[in-house]
Amino acid sequence: MDDVTKEEIIREAIQNARKERDRKKAEEGKEQNKGSGQKDMKDKKQKTQEDIEKLFEDRDAKETADEKAEGESKETAEETAGSEAEEKAEEEAKAEAPEEAGSEETAGDGAKEQEEAEEGGESKKGGFFKKKEKTDKNKERIAELEDKVKRQLAEFENFRNRTEKEKAQMYDMGAKSVLEKILPVIDNFERGLATVPEGEAGGAFAEGMNMIYKQLLSELEKIGVTPIEAVGKEFDPNLHNAVMQMESEEYESGFVAQEMQKGYMYRDTVIRHSMVAVVP
């Protein structure tokens, strides 16, 4: 029982000591807060005092500047009035000067103005000629470029015409080469049809051969192939190839009496000359 009482007394003493410590801490915190609040109030009061003093200083500076500006404006006005009075006195003195001096000054001014006018005229004249020279150079340059363009266009036109002509010639040469190989086929058709007996001329085979022959001539005529007329025509070395002479009562001398092989033309070009006999 005594041990329990001792423990309770000790515990109670400890609690009381803790409470006392907490109370002291709380009082110290209050005092610190109070001290900091007083310090803030003091700082604010000092800052307000400084602001008031600054306002007074600004006002004094402004008044000083206004007074200085007013003094300067007065001095300027006085100087302006003095200069105006001096100018007026000078004008009166000039008005009272002798007429001769005025005439001399007028003559001098007139001569000076004339010299300036002459110099200005010369400068304008020089500028005009420079501008004219520049314009002439530009015109020459334009004319040169136009001539160059015209020459290039003419060269291109000639090149195009020459190219088209070469193309046409190459096409004609190719067509002529092919037609030269087809003409012997036509000759064989004609020889074959000429050897058909009269009794078989109306037969199916002979008629079929004749139809193929006519169709071939028709297609060649469409692309520009035409036979050369020979019998009964005057001999033309450009179209006919004379291989022999023969007497003829029907045709005069120098005319074609017989055709041994037919000639052909492709457009304006001779593919093959006609092989003929000419009357002597």
Foldseek 3Di string as FASTA:
>chain_A
DVVVVVVVVVVVVVVVVVVVVVVVVVVVVVVVVVVVVVVVVVVVVVVVVVVVVVVVVVVVVVVVVVVVVVVVVVVVVVVVVVVVVVVVVVVVVVVPDDVVVVVVVVVVVVVVVVVVVVVVVVVVVVVVVVVVVVVVVVVVVVVVVVVVVVVVVVVVVVVVVVVVVVVVVVVVVVVLVVVLVCQVVLVVLVVVLVPDDPVCCPPPVNVVSVVVSVVVVVVLVVQAKDWDDAAPAADDPQAADEDEEDADPVHDFRGFHAWPGIWMARHPHTSGHTYTYTHD
